[in-house]
Amino acid sequence: MRTYLSMLLAVLLVITSCATGKKAGGTAQPLTSTKWVLTSFTDNGKDNKVSNSRAFIKFDDSKQSVGGNGSCNNFGGSYTLDGNKLSVSKVFSTKMFCQDVQKTEDSFLRLLETATRYEIKGDHLTIYNAQGAILHFTAAV
């Protein structure tokens, strides 16, 4: 009976984790093929929460490209990985002006090009540069 209950609990855990889009045991989401939504950024030593924003990033390993939305404009670029070392370059974007989110977008895209490494814990992605943590994301469900 105890074995049966253990198996039932394991099956329920797997079903629940699949239904929520998160992996069982809190394992990390992959960097590539995950939509990462910007939650905050640190610019010039100041922490900034992101609200009312559509900012996100996706990494495409087959093309070594990065793309997403900066809050107002779509953007793209290239990236390279070496272990957890990350370099983003050649970032370009469309050029609409959106007053409410322009500061967030400008900071996001500028900071992205200073990236030196990344870290994923569960469904949270943090991108660092030489000064420390600069961009914080959560995996979209």
C-alpha atoms as a PDB file:
ATOM      1  CA  MET A   1       0.000   0.000   0.000  1.00  0.00           C
ATOM      2  CA  ARG A   2       2.821   2.392   0.875  1.00  0.00           C
ATOM      3  CA  THR A   3       4.499   1.730  -2.514  1.00  0.00           C
ATOM      4  CA  TYR A   4       1.218   2.416  -4.285  1.00  0.00           C
ATOM      5  CA  LEU A   5       0.813   5.755  -2.478  1.00  0.00           C
ATOM      6  CA  SER A   6       4.400   6.724  -3.282  1.00  0.00           C
ATOM      7  CA  MET A   7       3.853   5.972  -6.959  1.00  0.00           C
ATOM      8  CA  LEU A   8       0.574   7.897  -6.968  1.00  0.00           C
ATOM      9  CA  LEU A   9       2.259  10.892  -5.345  1.00  0.00           C
ATOM     10  CA  ALA A  10       5.074  10.797  -7.923  1.00  0.00           C
ATOM     11  CA  VAL A  11       2.573  10.703 -10.804  1.00  0.00           C
ATOM     12  CA  LEU A  12       0.608  13.615  -9.338  1.00  0.00           C
ATOM     13  CA  LEU A  13       3.820  15.629  -8.952  1.00  0.00           C
ATOM     14  CA  VAL A  14       4.736  15.062 -12.596  1.00  0.00           C
ATOM     15  CA  ILE A  15       1.220  15.930 -13.786  1.00  0.00           C
ATOM     16  CA  THR A  16       1.139  19.085 -11.656  1.00  0.00           C
ATOM     17  CA  SER A  17       4.562  20.232 -12.835  1.00  0.00           C
ATOM     18  CA  CYS A  18       3.584  19.675 -16.470  1.00  0.00           C
ATOM     19  CA  ALA A  19       0.340  21.570 -16.023  1.00  0.00           C
ATOM     20  CA  THR A  20       2.119  24.613 -14.560  1.00  0.00           C
ATOM     21  CA  GLY A  21       4.853  24.586 -17.183  1.00  0.00           C
ATOM     22  CA  LYS A  22       7.580  24.061 -14.584  1.00  0.00           C
ATOM     23  CA  LYS A  23       9.846  21.109 -14.267  1.00  0.00           C
ATOM     24  CA  ALA A  24       9.552  18.703 -11.338  1.00  0.00           C
ATOM     25  CA  GLY A  25      11.995  19.274  -8.514  1.00  0.00           C
ATOM     26  CA  GLY A  26      12.531  22.928  -9.422  1.00  0.00           C
ATOM     27  CA  THR A  27      15.090  22.138 -12.106  1.00  0.00           C
ATOM     28  CA  ALA A  28      16.218  25.051 -14.205  1.00  0.00           C
ATOM     29  CA  GLN A  29      14.520  26.124 -17.402  1.00  0.00           C
ATOM     30  CA  PRO A  30      16.830  26.004 -20.438  1.00  0.00           C
ATOM     31  CA  LEU A  31      18.336  29.302 -21.601  1.00  0.00           C
ATOM     32  CA  THR A  32      17.334  28.596 -25.192  1.00  0.00           C
ATOM     33  CA  SER A  33      13.754  28.011 -26.327  1.00  0.00           C
ATOM     34  CA  THR A  34      12.368  29.709 -23.201  1.00  0.00           C
ATOM     35  CA  LYS A  35      10.613  33.061 -23.323  1.00  0.00           C
ATOM     36  CA  TRP A  36      12.242  35.134 -20.555  1.00  0.00           C
ATOM     37  CA  VAL A  37      10.160  38.087 -19.306  1.00  0.00           C
ATOM     38  CA  LEU A  38      12.090  41.055 -17.901  1.00  0.00           C
ATOM     39  CA  THR A  39      11.165  41.704 -14.249  1.00  0.00           C
ATOM     40  CA  SER A  40      13.852  44.183 -13.181  1.00  0.00           C
ATOM     41  CA  PHE A  41      17.186  45.695 -14.147  1.00  0.00           C
ATOM     42  CA  THR A  42      20.059  47.472 -12.429  1.00  0.00           C
ATOM     43  CA  ASP A  43      21.395  50.532 -14.209  1.00  0.00           C
ATOM     44  CA  ASN A  44      24.112  52.767 -12.746  1.00  0.00           C
ATOM     45  CA  GLY A  45      23.695  51.071  -9.368  1.00  0.00           C
ATOM     46  CA  LYS A  46      19.938  51.731  -9.234  1.00  0.00           C
ATOM     47  CA  ASP A  47      17.467  48.839  -9.122  1.00  0.00           C
ATOM     48  CA  ASN A  48      14.420  49.283 -11.358  1.00  0.00           C
ATOM     49  CA  LYS A  49      11.304  47.102 -11.206  1.00  0.00           C
ATOM     50  CA  VAL A  50       9.605  46.554 -14.532  1.00  0.00           C
ATOM     51  CA  SER A  51       5.846  46.949 -14.701  1.00  0.00           C
ATOM     52  CA  ASN A  52       3.454  47.600 -17.562  1.00  0.00           C
ATOM     53  CA  SER A  53       6.046  46.246 -19.944  1.00  0.00           C
ATOM     54  CA  ARG A  54       6.097  43.650 -22.680  1.00  0.00           C
ATOM     55  CA  ALA A  55       9.877  43.256 -22.450  1.00  0.00           C
ATOM     56  CA  PHE A  56      11.127  39.727 -23.071  1.00  0.00           C
ATOM     57  CA  ILE A  57      14.000  37.850 -24.653  1.00  0.00           C
ATOM     58  CA  LYS A  58      14.404  34.481 -26.392  1.00  0.00           C
ATOM     59  CA  PHE A  59      17.649  32.757 -27.315  1.00  0.00           C
ATOM     60  CA  ASP A  60      17.687  30.615 -30.480  1.00  0.00           C
ATOM     61  CA  ASP A  61      20.546  28.100 -30.301  1.00  0.00           C
ATOM     62  CA  SER A  62      20.175  26.927 -33.908  1.00  0.00           C
ATOM     63  CA  LYS A  63      20.849  30.448 -35.258  1.00  0.00           C
ATOM     64  CA  GLN A  64      22.905  31.796 -32.334  1.00  0.00           C
ATOM     65  CA  SER A  65      20.461  34.697 -32.352  1.00  0.00           C
ATOM     66  CA  VAL A  66      18.567  36.569 -29.700  1.00  0.00           C
ATOM     67  CA  GLY A  67      15.287  38.401 -30.118  1.00  0.00           C
ATOM     68  CA  GLY A  68      12.287  39.739 -28.321  1.00  0.00           C
ATOM     69  CA  ASN A  69      10.645  42.973 -27.361  1.00  0.00           C
ATOM     70  CA  GLY A  70      12.266  45.797 -25.424  1.00  0.00           C
ATOM     71  CA  SER A  71       8.910  47.079 -24.091  1.00  0.00           C
ATOM     72  CA  CYS A  72       7.834  48.921 -27.236  1.00  0.00           C
ATOM     73  CA  ASN A  73      10.061  47.782 -30.106  1.00  0.00           C
ATOM     74  CA  ASN A  74      11.028  44.376 -31.387  1.00  0.00           C
ATOM     75  CA  PHE A  75      14.758  43.661 -31.299  1.00  0.00           C
ATOM     76  CA  GLY A  76      17.259  41.091 -32.462  1.00  0.00           C
ATOM     77  CA  GLY A  77      20.951  40.339 -32.296  1.00  0.00           C
ATOM     78  CA  SER A  78      23.605  37.655 -31.989  1.00  0.00           C
ATOM     79  CA  TYR A  79      24.960  35.828 -28.982  1.00  0.00           C
ATOM     80  CA  THR A  80      27.728  33.411 -28.078  1.00  0.00           C
ATOM     81  CA  LEU A  81      27.977  31.030 -25.152  1.00  0.00           C
ATOM     82  CA  ASP A  82      30.931  29.366 -23.495  1.00  0.00           C
ATOM     83  CA  GLY A  83      29.647  27.509 -20.463  1.00  0.00           C
ATOM     84  CA  ASN A  84      27.820  30.189 -18.500  1.00  0.00           C
ATOM     85  CA  LYS A  85      29.740  33.009 -20.222  1.00  0.00           C
ATOM     86  CA  LEU A  86      27.436  35.058 -22.430  1.00  0.00           C
ATOM     87  CA  SER A  87      28.156  37.720 -25.010  1.00  0.00           C
ATOM     88  CA  VAL A  88      25.415  39.580 -26.895  1.00  0.00           C
ATOM     89  CA  SER A  89      26.267  41.725 -29.909  1.00  0.00           C
ATOM     90  CA  LYS A  90      24.849  43.439 -32.974  1.00  0.00           C
ATOM     91  CA  VAL A  91      21.604  44.372 -31.183  1.00  0.00           C
ATOM     92  CA  PHE A  92      19.156  46.203 -33.442  1.00  0.00           C
ATOM     93  CA  SER A  93      15.540  47.246 -32.976  1.00  0.00           C
ATOM     94  CA  THR A  94      12.620  48.940 -34.623  1.00  0.00           C
ATOM     95  CA  LYS A  95      12.474  52.657 -33.845  1.00  0.00           C
ATOM     96  CA  MET A  96       9.056  53.579 -32.441  1.00  0.00           C
ATOM     97  CA  PHE A  97       9.014  55.934 -29.457  1.00  0.00           C
ATOM     98  CA  CYS A  98       6.874  54.879 -26.501  1.00  0.00           C
ATOM     99  CA  GLN A  99       7.154  57.469 -23.754  1.00  0.00           C
ATOM    100  CA  ASP A 100       5.841  55.301 -20.894  1.00  0.00           C
ATOM    101  CA  VAL A 101       8.414  52.516 -21.388  1.00  0.00           C
ATOM    102  CA  GLN A 102      11.224  54.143 -23.366  1.00  0.00           C
ATOM    103  CA  LYS A 103      13.622  54.374 -20.405  1.00  0.00           C
ATOM    104  CA  THR A 104      13.129  50.668 -19.647  1.00  0.00           C
ATOM    105  CA  GLU A 105      13.695  49.690 -23.262  1.00  0.00           C
ATOM    106  CA  ASP A 106      16.773  51.888 -23.710  1.00  0.00           C
ATOM    107  CA  SER A 107      18.367  50.506 -20.520  1.00  0.00           C
ATOM    108  CA  PHE A 108      17.440  46.902 -21.315  1.00  0.00           C
ATOM    109  CA  LEU A 109      18.993  46.905 -24.784  1.00  0.00           C
ATOM    110  CA  ARG A 110      22.088  48.854 -23.727  1.00  0.00           C
ATOM    111  CA  LEU A 111      22.717  46.601 -20.707  1.00  0.00           C
ATOM    112  CA  LEU A 112      22.158  43.479 -22.802  1.00  0.00           C
ATOM    113  CA  GLU A 113      25.214  44.302 -24.899  1.00  0.00           C
ATOM    114  CA  THR A 114      27.370  44.467 -21.741  1.00  0.00           C
ATOM    115  CA  ALA A 115      26.507  40.903 -20.687  1.00  0.00           C
ATOM    116  CA  THR A 116      29.390  38.679 -19.602  1.00  0.00           C
ATOM    117  CA  ARG A 117      27.618  35.701 -18.024  1.00  0.00           C
ATOM    118  CA  TYR A 118      24.249  34.305 -16.967  1.00  0.00           C
ATOM    119  CA  GLU A 119      22.772  32.150 -14.230  1.00  0.00           C
ATOM    120  CA  ILE A 120      19.514  30.219 -14.149  1.00  0.00           C
ATOM    121  CA  LYS A 121      17.860  29.122 -10.916  1.00  0.00           C
ATOM    122  CA  GLY A 122      14.553  27.358 -11.499  1.00  0.00           C
ATOM    123  CA  ASP A 123      12.487  29.727 -13.615  1.00  0.00           C
ATOM    124  CA  HIS A 124      14.662  32.813 -12.975  1.00  0.00           C
ATOM    125  CA  LEU A 125      17.384  34.052 -15.322  1.00  0.00           C
ATOM    126  CA  THR A 126      19.935  36.625 -14.202  1.00  0.00           C
ATOM    127  CA  ILE A 127      22.350  38.255 -16.621  1.00  0.00           C
ATOM    128  CA  TYR A 128      25.545  39.803 -15.271  1.00  0.00           C
ATOM    129  CA  ASN A 129      28.179  42.196 -16.531  1.00  0.00           C
ATOM    130  CA  ALA A 130      31.494  43.230 -14.949  1.00  0.00           C
ATOM    131  CA  GLN A 131      29.649  45.302 -12.297  1.00  0.00           C
ATOM    132  CA  GLY A 132      27.251  42.518 -11.207  1.00  0.00           C
ATOM    133  CA  ALA A 133      23.661  41.454 -11.830  1.00  0.00           C
ATOM    134  CA  ILE A 134      22.036  43.730 -14.411  1.00  0.00           C
ATOM    135  CA  LEU A 135      18.979  41.992 -15.897  1.00  0.00           C
ATOM    136  CA  HIS A 136      16.446  39.755 -14.138  1.00  0.00           C
ATOM    137  CA  PHE A 137      13.890  37.588 -15.932  1.00  0.00           C
ATOM    138  CA  THR A 138      11.232  35.002 -15.153  1.00  0.00           C
ATOM    139  CA  ALA A 139      10.294  32.204 -17.548  1.00  0.00           C
ATOM    140  CA  ALA A 140       6.917  32.812 -19.182  1.00  0.00           C
ATOM    141  CA  VAL A 141       4.364  30.130 -18.469  1.00  0.00           C
END
